[in-house]
Amino acid sequence: MPAMVAPGFIRSVFPQTRVGKCAMPVRTYATHPSQPTLRGTPFIISSMSRRTAPLAPTAQPRQAGSRSNACRRGGAEPCYVALNAAQDRLAVANYGSGSIAVYRLDDASGVPRDAPEVLRRHSGSGPVADRQDGPHAHCVCFSPDQRWLYHVDLGADAVFAYPFDAETGAVGDPCVAYAAPAGSGPRHLTFHPTLPVAVLASELASTLTLLRIDDGALVATQTVSTLPVDFAGQNIAGHLCINRAGDRVYVTNRGHDSIAVFALVMNGSMSLLQHVPSGGASPRAFVLLEDQRQLVLVNEEAGNVAVFSILSNGTLAPHHQVLPVPGAVFVFVR
């Protein structure tokens, strides 16, 4: 990793090829911070493999890690994973089958048990025929109060909410927490660190929607475009993140090839601060290293990793530093 990247923090960049014995592309991960045998171990899923496996972090930056366990994934093309606060349940979104799976983690080892404890699939479709022919689960996440498990479905234009019992791990019957505009293709949902609000990125519409949390329901209060007003080309929204302070929102544009930075104020509104070129085609994923004041971004089609400084006002400045990684789709930190 180049010197401008904070040393010791970037653990691996995953390419869209086979690396060692790990089938790629790796789509996302969640870390297990407290289990003694797996502290800091990422749970990583491969959409090409038939299994979901935690990979141990590696001291070698160019290696993907070593597999410590594998389990049946419970669906086709898994693309997103999430741990609950107690770190005893792992939820997986399966894009291809439009389903979600919930695994109980072994008390002794912290790894998923072989079969999912819960497996749910929705129906539904949207007007964008080549992307919304059926349900496509794109994100799962537990609510901050741990009472709900949310499932963001790009194909069904909906965010579903399942009642979740944090004591037993039981998952109840779902309801539609938010019905997205037809054809918008909701992709990722993230929660504010202190306020009862969430932000939803819709891939096909290239929008961000600010949502008020109301006992599991998500009520839209504002929707903004992720694109400049004068952009007329093709684009899909990508990765989404809110910073620790809860006052900046970052989202990638794949097509415009940029990162959009928004201010998020306490009264619950977003305003655009910046579009910064991503340094390559199709910016897919990034990680904020706030202590180091850096953002590290993977450009999938360009096959590179670009580094940005986080300025004092939360906007970004490129380092003009690029690391070639052909087919890169994800970067994680330890």
C-alpha atoms as a PDB file:
ATOM      1  CA  MET A   1       0.000   0.000   0.000  1.00  0.00           C
ATOM      2  CA  PRO A   2       1.427   3.442  -0.863  1.00  0.00           C
ATOM      3  CA  ALA A   3       2.878   5.569   1.918  1.00  0.00           C
ATOM      4  CA  MET A   4       0.046   8.092   1.880  1.00  0.00           C
ATOM      5  CA  VAL A   5      -2.361   5.402   3.084  1.00  0.00           C
ATOM      6  CA  ALA A   6      -2.436   5.118   6.871  1.00  0.00           C
ATOM      7  CA  PRO A   7      -0.045   2.223   7.635  1.00  0.00           C
ATOM      8  CA  GLY A   8      -1.509  -0.804   9.365  1.00  0.00           C
ATOM      9  CA  PHE A   9      -5.117   0.015   8.566  1.00  0.00           C
ATOM     10  CA  ILE A  10      -5.775  -1.224   5.043  1.00  0.00           C
ATOM     11  CA  ARG A  11      -5.866  -4.978   5.401  1.00  0.00           C
ATOM     12  CA  SER A  12      -7.033  -6.206   2.028  1.00  0.00           C
ATOM     13  CA  VAL A  13      -8.465  -5.133  -1.303  1.00  0.00           C
ATOM     14  CA  PHE A  14     -10.501  -7.877  -2.951  1.00  0.00           C
ATOM     15  CA  PRO A  15     -10.322  -8.379  -6.715  1.00  0.00           C
ATOM     16  CA  GLN A  16     -13.023  -9.883  -8.895  1.00  0.00           C
ATOM     17  CA  THR A  17     -10.909 -12.946  -9.636  1.00  0.00           C
ATOM     18  CA  ARG A  18      -9.879 -16.055  -7.750  1.00  0.00           C
ATOM     19  CA  VAL A  19      -7.338 -15.233  -5.037  1.00  0.00           C
ATOM     20  CA  GLY A  20      -5.736 -18.298  -3.505  1.00  0.00           C
ATOM     21  CA  LYS A  21      -8.572 -20.585  -2.448  1.00  0.00           C
ATOM     22  CA  CYS A  22     -11.147 -17.825  -2.068  1.00  0.00           C
ATOM     23  CA  ALA A  23     -13.690 -17.475  -4.867  1.00  0.00           C
ATOM     24  CA  MET A  24     -14.500 -13.849  -5.676  1.00  0.00           C
ATOM     25  CA  PRO A  25     -16.083 -11.367  -6.079  1.00  0.00           C
ATOM     26  CA  VAL A  26     -16.315 -10.559  -2.418  1.00  0.00           C
ATOM     27  CA  ARG A  27     -19.204  -8.166  -1.970  1.00  0.00           C
ATOM     28  CA  THR A  28     -19.224  -6.992   1.668  1.00  0.00           C
ATOM     29  CA  TYR A  29     -18.271  -7.928   5.189  1.00  0.00           C
ATOM     30  CA  ALA A  30     -18.960  -7.431   8.893  1.00  0.00           C
ATOM     31  CA  THR A  31     -16.383  -7.658  11.673  1.00  0.00           C
ATOM     32  CA  HIS A  32     -16.691  -9.598  14.921  1.00  0.00           C
ATOM     33  CA  PRO A  33     -14.998  -7.336  17.491  1.00  0.00           C
ATOM     34  CA  SER A  34     -15.413  -9.183  20.799  1.00  0.00           C
ATOM     35  CA  GLN A  35     -15.323 -12.960  20.388  1.00  0.00           C
ATOM     36  CA  PRO A  36     -11.812 -13.816  21.662  1.00  0.00           C
ATOM     37  CA  THR A  37     -11.124 -16.332  18.887  1.00  0.00           C
ATOM     38  CA  LEU A  38     -12.434 -14.055  16.131  1.00  0.00           C
ATOM     39  CA  ARG A  39     -11.821 -10.516  17.377  1.00  0.00           C
ATOM     40  CA  GLY A  40     -11.496  -8.313  14.300  1.00  0.00           C
ATOM     41  CA  THR A  41     -12.259 -11.204  11.946  1.00  0.00           C
ATOM     42  CA  PRO A  42     -14.326 -10.218   8.912  1.00  0.00           C
ATOM     43  CA  PHE A  43     -17.269 -12.314   7.768  1.00  0.00           C
ATOM     44  CA  ILE A  44     -16.911 -12.193   4.006  1.00  0.00           C
ATOM     45  CA  ILE A  45     -19.238 -13.586   1.368  1.00  0.00           C
ATOM     46  CA  SER A  46     -18.515 -14.633  -2.165  1.00  0.00           C
ATOM     47  CA  SER A  47     -21.267 -14.442  -4.757  1.00  0.00           C
ATOM     48  CA  MET A  48     -19.417 -16.978  -6.919  1.00  0.00           C
ATOM     49  CA  SER A  49     -19.056 -19.586  -4.179  1.00  0.00           C
ATOM     50  CA  ARG A  50     -21.771 -21.782  -2.681  1.00  0.00           C
ATOM     51  CA  ARG A  51     -20.723 -20.974   0.838  1.00  0.00           C
ATOM     52  CA  THR A  52     -20.464 -18.029   3.244  1.00  0.00           C
ATOM     53  CA  ALA A  53     -17.152 -17.921   5.088  1.00  0.00           C
ATOM     54  CA  PRO A  54     -15.392 -15.750   7.661  1.00  0.00           C
ATOM     55  CA  LEU A  55     -11.861 -15.001   6.498  1.00  0.00           C
ATOM     56  CA  ALA A  56      -9.204 -14.242   9.084  1.00  0.00           C
ATOM     57  CA  PRO A  57      -7.397 -10.908   8.591  1.00  0.00           C
ATOM     58  CA  THR A  58      -3.946 -11.287   7.151  1.00  0.00           C
ATOM     59  CA  ALA A  59      -0.703  -9.511   7.865  1.00  0.00           C
ATOM     60  CA  GLN A  60       0.094  -9.707   4.145  1.00  0.00           C
ATOM     61  CA  PRO A  61      -1.657  -6.785   2.407  1.00  0.00           C
ATOM     62  CA  ARG A  62      -1.818  -8.568  -0.965  1.00  0.00           C
ATOM     63  CA  GLN A  63      -3.446 -11.732   0.358  1.00  0.00           C
ATOM     64  CA  ALA A  64      -7.178 -12.171   0.865  1.00  0.00           C
ATOM     65  CA  GLY A  65      -6.839 -13.976   4.197  1.00  0.00           C
ATOM     66  CA  SER A  66      -7.284 -17.514   5.372  1.00  0.00           C
ATOM     67  CA  ARG A  67     -10.616 -19.292   5.700  1.00  0.00           C
ATOM     68  CA  SER A  68     -11.430 -20.355   9.266  1.00  0.00           C
ATOM     69  CA  ASN A  69     -14.889 -21.768   8.601  1.00  0.00           C
ATOM     70  CA  ALA A  70     -17.562 -22.012   5.925  1.00  0.00           C
ATOM     71  CA  CYS A  71     -21.306 -22.562   6.010  1.00  0.00           C
ATOM     72  CA  ARG A  72     -24.168 -22.900   3.584  1.00  0.00           C
ATOM     73  CA  ARG A  73     -25.241 -19.465   2.464  1.00  0.00           C
ATOM     74  CA  GLY A  74     -28.987 -20.143   2.207  1.00  0.00           C
ATOM     75  CA  GLY A  75     -29.540 -18.288  -1.070  1.00  0.00           C
ATOM     76  CA  ALA A  76     -28.125 -17.231  -4.423  1.00  0.00           C
ATOM     77  CA  GLU A  77     -25.609 -14.415  -4.969  1.00  0.00           C
ATOM     78  CA  PRO A  78     -25.156 -13.129  -1.406  1.00  0.00           C
ATOM     79  CA  CYS A  79     -24.138  -9.469  -1.433  1.00  0.00           C
ATOM     80  CA  TYR A  80     -24.402  -7.991   2.083  1.00  0.00           C
ATOM     81  CA  VAL A  81     -23.903  -9.142   5.683  1.00  0.00           C
ATOM     82  CA  ALA A  82     -24.644  -7.568   9.069  1.00  0.00           C
ATOM     83  CA  LEU A  83     -24.012  -8.479  12.728  1.00  0.00           C
ATOM     84  CA  ASN A  84     -26.469  -7.662  15.485  1.00  0.00           C
ATOM     85  CA  ALA A  85     -25.285  -5.719  18.539  1.00  0.00           C
ATOM     86  CA  ALA A  86     -24.991  -8.841  20.699  1.00  0.00           C
ATOM     87  CA  GLN A  87     -22.835 -10.378  17.951  1.00  0.00           C
ATOM     88  CA  ASP A  88     -24.669 -13.683  18.115  1.00  0.00           C
ATOM     89  CA  ARG A  89     -26.633 -13.390  14.850  1.00  0.00           C
ATOM     90  CA  LEU A  90     -25.338 -12.804  11.320  1.00  0.00           C
ATOM     91  CA  ALA A  91     -27.818 -11.665   8.637  1.00  0.00           C
ATOM     92  CA  VAL A  92     -27.131 -12.128   4.913  1.00  0.00           C
ATOM     93  CA  ALA A  93     -28.859 -10.543   1.902  1.00  0.00           C
ATOM     94  CA  ASN A  94     -29.019 -12.846  -1.123  1.00  0.00           C
ATOM     95  CA  TYR A  95     -29.382 -10.731  -4.256  1.00  0.00           C
ATOM     96  CA  GLY A  96     -30.009 -13.518  -6.753  1.00  0.00           C
ATOM     97  CA  SER A  97     -32.752 -15.321  -4.832  1.00  0.00           C
ATOM     98  CA  GLY A  98     -34.258 -12.170  -3.304  1.00  0.00           C
ATOM     99  CA  SER A  99     -33.974 -13.732   0.147  1.00  0.00           C
ATOM    100  CA  ILE A 100     -32.395 -13.072   3.508  1.00  0.00           C
ATOM    101  CA  ALA A 101     -30.805 -15.618   5.837  1.00  0.00           C
ATOM    102  CA  VAL A 102     -30.005 -15.282   9.547  1.00  0.00           C
ATOM    103  CA  TYR A 103     -27.342 -17.464  11.138  1.00  0.00           C
ATOM    104  CA  ARG A 104     -26.768 -18.119  14.806  1.00  0.00           C
ATOM    105  CA  LEU A 105     -23.102 -17.779  15.717  1.00  0.00           C
ATOM    106  CA  ASP A 106     -21.518 -20.527  17.745  1.00  0.00           C
ATOM    107  CA  ASP A 107     -21.057 -19.470  21.379  1.00  0.00           C
ATOM    108  CA  ALA A 108     -17.602 -21.002  21.669  1.00  0.00           C
ATOM    109  CA  SER A 109     -16.024 -20.122  18.324  1.00  0.00           C
ATOM    110  CA  GLY A 110     -18.131 -17.200  17.077  1.00  0.00           C
ATOM    111  CA  VAL A 111     -18.462 -18.705  13.590  1.00  0.00           C
ATOM    112  CA  PRO A 112     -21.834 -19.272  11.842  1.00  0.00           C
ATOM    113  CA  ARG A 113     -23.525 -22.584  12.320  1.00  0.00           C
ATOM    114  CA  ASP A 114     -23.801 -24.609   9.150  1.00  0.00           C
ATOM    115  CA  ALA A 115     -27.421 -23.846   8.181  1.00  0.00           C
ATOM    116  CA  PRO A 116     -29.326 -20.571   8.494  1.00  0.00           C
ATOM    117  CA  GLU A 117     -31.661 -20.295  11.458  1.00  0.00           C
ATOM    118  CA  VAL A 118     -34.067 -18.091   9.465  1.00  0.00           C
ATOM    119  CA  LEU A 119     -34.599 -17.954   5.701  1.00  0.00           C
ATOM    120  CA  ARG A 120     -37.146 -15.568   4.175  1.00  0.00           C
ATOM    121  CA  ARG A 121     -37.932 -14.639   0.576  1.00  0.00           C
ATOM    122  CA  HIS A 122     -40.200 -11.893  -0.721  1.00  0.00           C
ATOM    123  CA  SER A 123     -42.043 -11.459  -3.980  1.00  0.00           C
ATOM    124  CA  GLY A 124     -42.267  -8.322  -6.056  1.00  0.00           C
ATOM    125  CA  SER A 125     -40.862  -6.636  -9.115  1.00  0.00           C
ATOM    126  CA  GLY A 126     -40.445  -3.202 -10.644  1.00  0.00           C
ATOM    127  CA  PRO A 127     -40.686  -1.384 -13.970  1.00  0.00           C
ATOM    128  CA  VAL A 128     -36.974  -1.639 -14.852  1.00  0.00           C
ATOM    129  CA  ALA A 129     -37.180  -5.005 -16.593  1.00  0.00           C
ATOM    130  CA  ASP A 130     -33.491  -5.889 -16.729  1.00  0.00           C
ATOM    131  CA  ARG A 131     -32.921  -5.117 -13.036  1.00  0.00           C
ATOM    132  CA  GLN A 132     -36.315  -5.622 -11.386  1.00  0.00           C
ATOM    133  CA  ASP A 133     -37.640  -8.885 -12.805  1.00  0.00           C
ATOM    134  CA  GLY A 134     -38.130 -10.146  -9.250  1.00  0.00           C
ATOM    135  CA  PRO A 135     -36.992  -9.491  -5.688  1.00  0.00           C
ATOM    136  CA  HIS A 136     -33.302  -8.693  -5.224  1.00  0.00           C
ATOM    137  CA  ALA A 137     -32.225  -8.286  -1.598  1.00  0.00           C
ATOM    138  CA  HIS A 138     -29.341  -5.801  -1.624  1.00  0.00           C
ATOM    139  CA  CYS A 139     -28.851  -4.928   2.037  1.00  0.00           C
ATOM    140  CA  VAL A 140     -29.707  -6.149   5.531  1.00  0.00           C
ATOM    141  CA  CYS A 141     -29.188  -4.210   8.758  1.00  0.00           C
ATOM    142  CA  PHE A 142     -30.337  -4.289  12.358  1.00  0.00           C
ATOM    143  CA  SER A 143     -31.971  -1.168  13.777  1.00  0.00           C
ATOM    144  CA  PRO A 144     -29.984   0.769  16.385  1.00  0.00           C
ATOM    145  CA  ASP A 145     -32.426  -0.352  19.112  1.00  0.00           C
ATOM    146  CA  GLN A 146     -32.121  -3.978  17.891  1.00  0.00           C
ATOM    147  CA  ARG A 147     -35.913  -4.349  17.602  1.00  0.00           C
ATOM    148  CA  TRP A 148     -35.979  -4.621  13.798  1.00  0.00           C
ATOM    149  CA  LEU A 149     -34.128  -6.319  10.995  1.00  0.00           C
ATOM    150  CA  TYR A 150     -34.367  -4.344   7.748  1.00  0.00           C
ATOM    151  CA  HIS A 151     -34.133  -5.845   4.267  1.00  0.00           C
ATOM    152  CA  VAL A 152     -33.565  -3.426   1.387  1.00  0.00           C
ATOM    153  CA  ASP A 153     -34.863  -4.917  -1.870  1.00  0.00           C
ATOM    154  CA  LEU A 154     -33.784  -3.365  -5.168  1.00  0.00           C
ATOM    155  CA  GLY A 155     -36.122  -5.511  -7.275  1.00  0.00           C
ATOM    156  CA  ALA A 156     -39.270  -4.945  -5.214  1.00  0.00           C
ATOM    157  CA  ASP A 157     -38.721  -1.191  -4.662  1.00  0.00           C
ATOM    158  CA  ALA A 158     -39.205  -1.650  -0.933  1.00  0.00           C
ATOM    159  CA  VAL A 159     -37.567  -1.761   2.467  1.00  0.00           C
ATOM    160  CA  PHE A 160     -39.013  -4.565   4.590  1.00  0.00           C
ATOM    161  CA  ALA A 161     -38.886  -4.655   8.385  1.00  0.00           C
ATOM    162  CA  TYR A 162     -38.918  -7.842  10.457  1.00  0.00           C
ATOM    163  CA  PRO A 163     -39.558  -7.698  14.206  1.00  0.00           C
ATOM    164  CA  PHE A 164     -36.383  -8.984  15.872  1.00  0.00           C
ATOM    165  CA  ASP A 165     -36.142 -10.397  19.399  1.00  0.00           C
ATOM    166  CA  ALA A 166     -32.645  -9.583  20.613  1.00  0.00           C
ATOM    167  CA  GLU A 167     -32.925 -12.072  23.494  1.00  0.00           C
ATOM    168  CA  THR A 168     -33.924 -15.138  21.470  1.00  0.00           C
ATOM    169  CA  GLY A 169     -32.918 -14.143  17.939  1.00  0.00           C
ATOM    170  CA  ALA A 170     -36.466 -14.788  16.714  1.00  0.00           C
ATOM    171  CA  VAL A 171     -37.476 -13.010  13.503  1.00  0.00           C
ATOM    172  CA  GLY A 172     -41.154 -12.147  13.052  1.00  0.00           C
ATOM    173  CA  ASP A 173     -43.351 -11.597  10.027  1.00  0.00           C
ATOM    174  CA  PRO A 174     -42.296  -8.698   7.803  1.00  0.00           C
ATOM    175  CA  CYS A 175     -44.058  -5.482   6.952  1.00  0.00           C
ATOM    176  CA  VAL A 176     -43.224  -2.842   4.353  1.00  0.00           C
ATOM    177  CA  ALA A 177     -41.299  -0.205   6.280  1.00  0.00           C
ATOM    178  CA  TYR A 178     -40.869   2.002   3.226  1.00  0.00           C
ATOM    179  CA  ALA A 179     -42.390   1.739  -0.265  1.00  0.00           C
ATOM    180  CA  ALA A 180     -39.835   3.348  -2.571  1.00  0.00           C
ATOM    181  CA  PRO A 181     -40.831   5.115  -5.798  1.00  0.00           C
ATOM    182  CA  ALA A 182     -41.365   2.679  -8.661  1.00  0.00           C
ATOM    183  CA  GLY A 183     -38.140   1.958 -10.504  1.00  0.00           C
ATOM    184  CA  SER A 184     -35.901   3.684  -7.960  1.00  0.00           C
ATOM    185  CA  GLY A 185     -34.145   0.447  -6.939  1.00  0.00           C
ATOM    186  CA  PRO A 186     -33.238   0.946  -3.252  1.00  0.00           C
ATOM    187  CA  ARG A 187     -29.727  -0.355  -2.563  1.00  0.00           C
ATOM    188  CA  HIS A 188     -28.268   0.524   0.853  1.00  0.00           C
ATOM    189  CA  LEU A 189     -29.637   1.785   4.177  1.00  0.00           C
ATOM    190  CA  THR A 190     -27.570   3.316   6.971  1.00  0.00           C
ATOM    191  CA  PHE A 191     -28.531   4.823  10.322  1.00  0.00           C
ATOM    192  CA  HIS A 192     -27.554   8.119  11.917  1.00  0.00           C
ATOM    193  CA  PRO A 193     -25.300   7.574  14.968  1.00  0.00           C
ATOM    194  CA  THR A 194     -27.520   9.562  17.363  1.00  0.00           C
ATOM    195  CA  LEU A 195     -30.714  10.801  15.656  1.00  0.00           C
ATOM    196  CA  PRO A 196     -33.771   8.618  14.887  1.00  0.00           C
ATOM    197  CA  VAL A 197     -33.179   8.919  11.146  1.00  0.00           C
ATOM    198  CA  ALA A 198     -31.699   6.803   8.375  1.00  0.00           C
ATOM    199  CA  VAL A 199     -30.458   7.458   4.855  1.00  0.00           C
ATOM    200  CA  LEU A 200     -31.367   5.256   1.898  1.00  0.00           C
ATOM    201  CA  ALA A 201     -29.391   5.170  -1.362  1.00  0.00           C
ATOM    202  CA  SER A 202     -31.475   4.194  -4.387  1.00  0.00           C
ATOM    203  CA  GLU A 203     -29.260   2.751  -7.087  1.00  0.00           C
ATOM    204  CA  LEU A 204     -31.439   3.078 -10.188  1.00  0.00           C
ATOM    205  CA  ALA A 205     -32.747   6.573  -9.391  1.00  0.00           C
ATOM    206  CA  SER A 206     -29.380   7.920  -8.145  1.00  0.00           C
ATOM    207  CA  THR A 207     -31.017   9.450  -5.075  1.00  0.00           C
ATOM    208  CA  LEU A 208     -30.600   9.699  -1.329  1.00  0.00           C
ATOM    209  CA  THR A 209     -33.725   9.650   0.840  1.00  0.00           C
ATOM    210  CA  LEU A 210     -33.737  10.844   4.415  1.00  0.00           C
ATOM    211  CA  LEU A 211     -36.065   8.661   6.504  1.00  0.00           C
ATOM    212  CA  ARG A 212     -37.550   9.258   9.936  1.00  0.00           C
ATOM    213  CA  ILE A 213     -37.715   6.085  12.045  1.00  0.00           C
ATOM    214  CA  ASP A 214     -41.174   5.567  13.524  1.00  0.00           C
ATOM    215  CA  ASP A 215     -41.505   2.286  15.453  1.00  0.00           C
ATOM    216  CA  GLY A 216     -40.084   0.246  12.603  1.00  0.00           C
ATOM    217  CA  ALA A 217     -41.668   2.278   9.826  1.00  0.00           C
ATOM    218  CA  LEU A 218     -39.454   4.547   7.732  1.00  0.00           C
ATOM    219  CA  VAL A 219     -41.048   7.844   6.743  1.00  0.00           C
ATOM    220  CA  ALA A 220     -39.457   9.845   3.927  1.00  0.00           C
ATOM    221  CA  THR A 221     -38.764  13.492   4.757  1.00  0.00           C
ATOM    222  CA  GLN A 222     -36.419  14.485   1.914  1.00  0.00           C
ATOM    223  CA  THR A 223     -35.068  13.056  -1.332  1.00  0.00           C
ATOM    224  CA  VAL A 224     -32.092  14.528  -3.176  1.00  0.00           C
ATOM    225  CA  SER A 225     -30.209  13.540  -6.314  1.00  0.00           C
ATOM    226  CA  THR A 226     -26.680  12.230  -5.978  1.00  0.00           C
ATOM    227  CA  LEU A 227     -25.801  13.845  -9.327  1.00  0.00           C
ATOM    228  CA  PRO A 228     -25.033  17.362 -10.559  1.00  0.00           C
ATOM    229  CA  VAL A 229     -28.101  19.078 -12.007  1.00  0.00           C
ATOM    230  CA  ASP A 230     -26.526  19.347 -15.466  1.00  0.00           C
ATOM    231  CA  PHE A 231     -25.464  15.684 -15.760  1.00  0.00           C
ATOM    232  CA  ALA A 232     -27.434  13.796 -18.437  1.00  0.00           C
ATOM    233  CA  GLY A 233     -25.483  10.555 -18.716  1.00  0.00           C
ATOM    234  CA  GLN A 234     -26.117   7.058 -17.354  1.00  0.00           C
ATOM    235  CA  ASN A 235     -25.473   6.504 -13.648  1.00  0.00           C
ATOM    236  CA  ILE A 236     -26.222   4.199 -10.735  1.00  0.00           C
ATOM    237  CA  ALA A 237     -25.625   5.034  -7.086  1.00  0.00           C
ATOM    238  CA  GLY A 238     -23.211   2.878  -5.111  1.00  0.00           C
ATOM    239  CA  HIS A 239     -21.718   2.847  -1.636  1.00  0.00           C
ATOM    240  CA  LEU A 240     -23.190   4.927   1.200  1.00  0.00           C
ATOM    241  CA  CYS A 241     -21.792   6.056   4.554  1.00  0.00           C
ATOM    242  CA  ILE A 242     -22.495   8.572   7.337  1.00  0.00           C
ATOM    243  CA  ASN A 243     -19.495   9.818   9.304  1.00  0.00           C
ATOM    244  CA  ARG A 244     -19.119   9.352  13.081  1.00  0.00           C
ATOM    245  CA  ALA A 245     -20.260  12.896  13.856  1.00  0.00           C
ATOM    246  CA  GLY A 246     -23.432  12.331  11.842  1.00  0.00           C
ATOM    247  CA  ASP A 247     -23.029  15.574   9.891  1.00  0.00           C
ATOM    248  CA  ARG A 248     -21.684  14.290   6.552  1.00  0.00           C
ATOM    249  CA  VAL A 249     -23.046  11.734   4.080  1.00  0.00           C
ATOM    250  CA  TYR A 250     -20.864  10.180   1.373  1.00  0.00           C
ATOM    251  CA  VAL A 251     -22.181   8.258  -1.654  1.00  0.00           C
ATOM    252  CA  THR A 252     -20.580   7.067  -4.885  1.00  0.00           C
ATOM    253  CA  ASN A 253     -21.850   7.643  -8.426  1.00  0.00           C
ATOM    254  CA  ARG A 254     -21.024   4.921 -10.961  1.00  0.00           C
ATOM    255  CA  GLY A 255     -21.285   6.518 -14.391  1.00  0.00           C
ATOM    256  CA  HIS A 256     -20.646  10.084 -13.325  1.00  0.00           C
ATOM    257  CA  ASP A 257     -17.684   8.473 -11.512  1.00  0.00           C
ATOM    258  CA  SER A 258     -17.658  10.680  -8.474  1.00  0.00           C
ATOM    259  CA  ILE A 259     -18.171  10.815  -4.734  1.00  0.00           C
ATOM    260  CA  ALA A 260     -20.970  13.127  -3.624  1.00  0.00           C
ATOM    261  CA  VAL A 261     -20.630  14.728  -0.201  1.00  0.00           C
ATOM    262  CA  PHE A 262     -23.696  16.066   1.622  1.00  0.00           C
ATOM    263  CA  ALA A 263     -24.107  18.040   4.828  1.00  0.00           C
ATOM    264  CA  LEU A 264     -26.641  16.519   7.225  1.00  0.00           C
ATOM    265  CA  VAL A 265     -27.906  18.998   9.785  1.00  0.00           C
ATOM    266  CA  MET A 266     -29.597  18.361  13.123  1.00  0.00           C
ATOM    267  CA  ASN A 267     -32.998  19.518  11.876  1.00  0.00           C
ATOM    268  CA  GLY A 268     -32.941  16.559   9.523  1.00  0.00           C
ATOM    269  CA  SER A 269     -32.076  17.832   6.055  1.00  0.00           C
ATOM    270  CA  MET A 270     -29.321  17.169   3.526  1.00  0.00           C
ATOM    271  CA  SER A 271     -27.577  19.661   1.280  1.00  0.00           C
ATOM    272  CA  LEU A 272     -24.942  19.022  -1.366  1.00  0.00           C
ATOM    273  CA  LEU A 273     -21.405  20.164  -0.569  1.00  0.00           C
ATOM    274  CA  GLN A 274     -19.284  18.593  -3.286  1.00  0.00           C
ATOM    275  CA  HIS A 275     -18.820  16.229  -6.195  1.00  0.00           C
ATOM    276  CA  VAL A 276     -15.237  15.013  -6.429  1.00  0.00           C
ATOM    277  CA  PRO A 277     -13.962  12.793  -9.279  1.00  0.00           C
ATOM    278  CA  SER A 278     -13.444   9.238  -8.076  1.00  0.00           C
ATOM    279  CA  GLY A 279     -10.135   8.698  -9.830  1.00  0.00           C
ATOM    280  CA  GLY A 280     -11.468   5.884 -12.002  1.00  0.00           C
ATOM    281  CA  ALA A 281     -14.506   4.264 -13.564  1.00  0.00           C
ATOM    282  CA  SER A 282     -17.285   2.748 -11.435  1.00  0.00           C
ATOM    283  CA  PRO A 283     -16.472   3.669  -7.811  1.00  0.00           C
ATOM    284  CA  ARG A 284     -17.975   0.694  -5.995  1.00  0.00           C
ATOM    285  CA  ALA A 285     -16.947   0.830  -2.336  1.00  0.00           C
ATOM    286  CA  PHE A 286     -14.974   2.948   0.094  1.00  0.00           C
ATOM    287  CA  VAL A 287     -13.964   3.096   3.722  1.00  0.00           C
ATOM    288  CA  LEU A 288     -13.669   6.167   5.950  1.00  0.00           C
ATOM    289  CA  LEU A 289     -10.513   6.303   8.085  1.00  0.00           C
ATOM    290  CA  GLU A 290     -11.617   9.252  10.168  1.00  0.00           C
ATOM    291  CA  ASP A 291      -8.782   9.123  12.697  1.00  0.00           C
ATOM    292  CA  GLN A 292      -6.358   9.362   9.782  1.00  0.00           C
ATOM    293  CA  ARG A 293      -8.564  11.867   7.922  1.00  0.00           C
ATOM    294  CA  GLN A 294      -8.636   9.647   4.833  1.00  0.00           C
ATOM    295  CA  LEU A 295     -11.139   7.964   2.530  1.00  0.00           C
ATOM    296  CA  VAL A 296      -9.964   4.911   0.562  1.00  0.00           C
ATOM    297  CA  LEU A 297     -12.022   4.108  -2.545  1.00  0.00           C
ATOM    298  CA  VAL A 298     -12.204   1.095  -4.878  1.00  0.00           C
ATOM    299  CA  ASN A 299     -12.916   1.834  -8.553  1.00  0.00           C
ATOM    300  CA  GLU A 300     -14.150  -1.480  -9.929  1.00  0.00           C
ATOM    301  CA  GLU A 301     -13.991  -1.011 -13.706  1.00  0.00           C
ATOM    302  CA  ALA A 302     -10.808   1.061 -13.526  1.00  0.00           C
ATOM    303  CA  GLY A 303      -9.221  -1.638 -11.379  1.00  0.00           C
ATOM    304  CA  ASN A 304      -7.642   0.730  -8.892  1.00  0.00           C
ATOM    305  CA  VAL A 305      -7.771   2.108  -5.358  1.00  0.00           C
ATOM    306  CA  ALA A 306      -7.758   5.884  -4.879  1.00  0.00           C
ATOM    307  CA  VAL A 307      -6.993   7.796  -1.684  1.00  0.00           C
ATOM    308  CA  PHE A 308      -8.610  11.081  -0.563  1.00  0.00           C
ATOM    309  CA  SER A 309      -7.959  13.436   2.329  1.00  0.00           C
ATOM    310  CA  ILE A 310     -10.968  14.326   4.503  1.00  0.00           C
ATOM    311  CA  LEU A 311     -10.732  18.081   5.004  1.00  0.00           C
ATOM    312  CA  SER A 312     -11.855  19.932   8.121  1.00  0.00           C
ATOM    313  CA  ASN A 313     -15.270  20.703   6.600  1.00  0.00           C
ATOM    314  CA  GLY A 314     -15.834  17.061   5.616  1.00  0.00           C
ATOM    315  CA  THR A 315     -15.208  17.538   1.904  1.00  0.00           C
ATOM    316  CA  LEU A 316     -12.607  15.488   0.055  1.00  0.00           C
ATOM    317  CA  ALA A 317      -9.320  16.275  -1.659  1.00  0.00           C
ATOM    318  CA  PRO A 318      -7.665  13.639  -3.889  1.00  0.00           C
ATOM    319  CA  HIS A 319      -4.122  12.528  -3.102  1.00  0.00           C
ATOM    320  CA  HIS A 320      -3.581  11.879  -6.825  1.00  0.00           C
ATOM    321  CA  GLN A 321      -2.347   8.509  -5.647  1.00  0.00           C
ATOM    322  CA  VAL A 322      -3.662   5.345  -7.291  1.00  0.00           C
ATOM    323  CA  LEU A 323      -2.911   1.713  -6.508  1.00  0.00           C
ATOM    324  CA  PRO A 324      -3.623  -0.683  -9.415  1.00  0.00           C
ATOM    325  CA  VAL A 325      -5.792  -3.638  -8.316  1.00  0.00           C
ATOM    326  CA  PRO A 326      -7.495  -5.192 -11.381  1.00  0.00           C
ATOM    327  CA  GLY A 327     -11.168  -5.980 -10.764  1.00  0.00           C
ATOM    328  CA  ALA A 328     -11.188  -4.598  -7.213  1.00  0.00           C
ATOM    329  CA  VAL A 329     -14.648  -4.551  -5.628  1.00  0.00           C
ATOM    330  CA  PHE A 330     -14.149  -4.015  -1.887  1.00  0.00           C
ATOM    331  CA  VAL A 331     -11.713  -2.772   0.724  1.00  0.00           C
ATOM    332  CA  PHE A 332     -11.856  -3.413   4.451  1.00  0.00           C
ATOM    333  CA  VAL A 333      -9.907  -2.291   7.498  1.00  0.00           C
ATOM    334  CA  ARG A 334      -8.970  -3.890  10.756  1.00  0.00           C
END
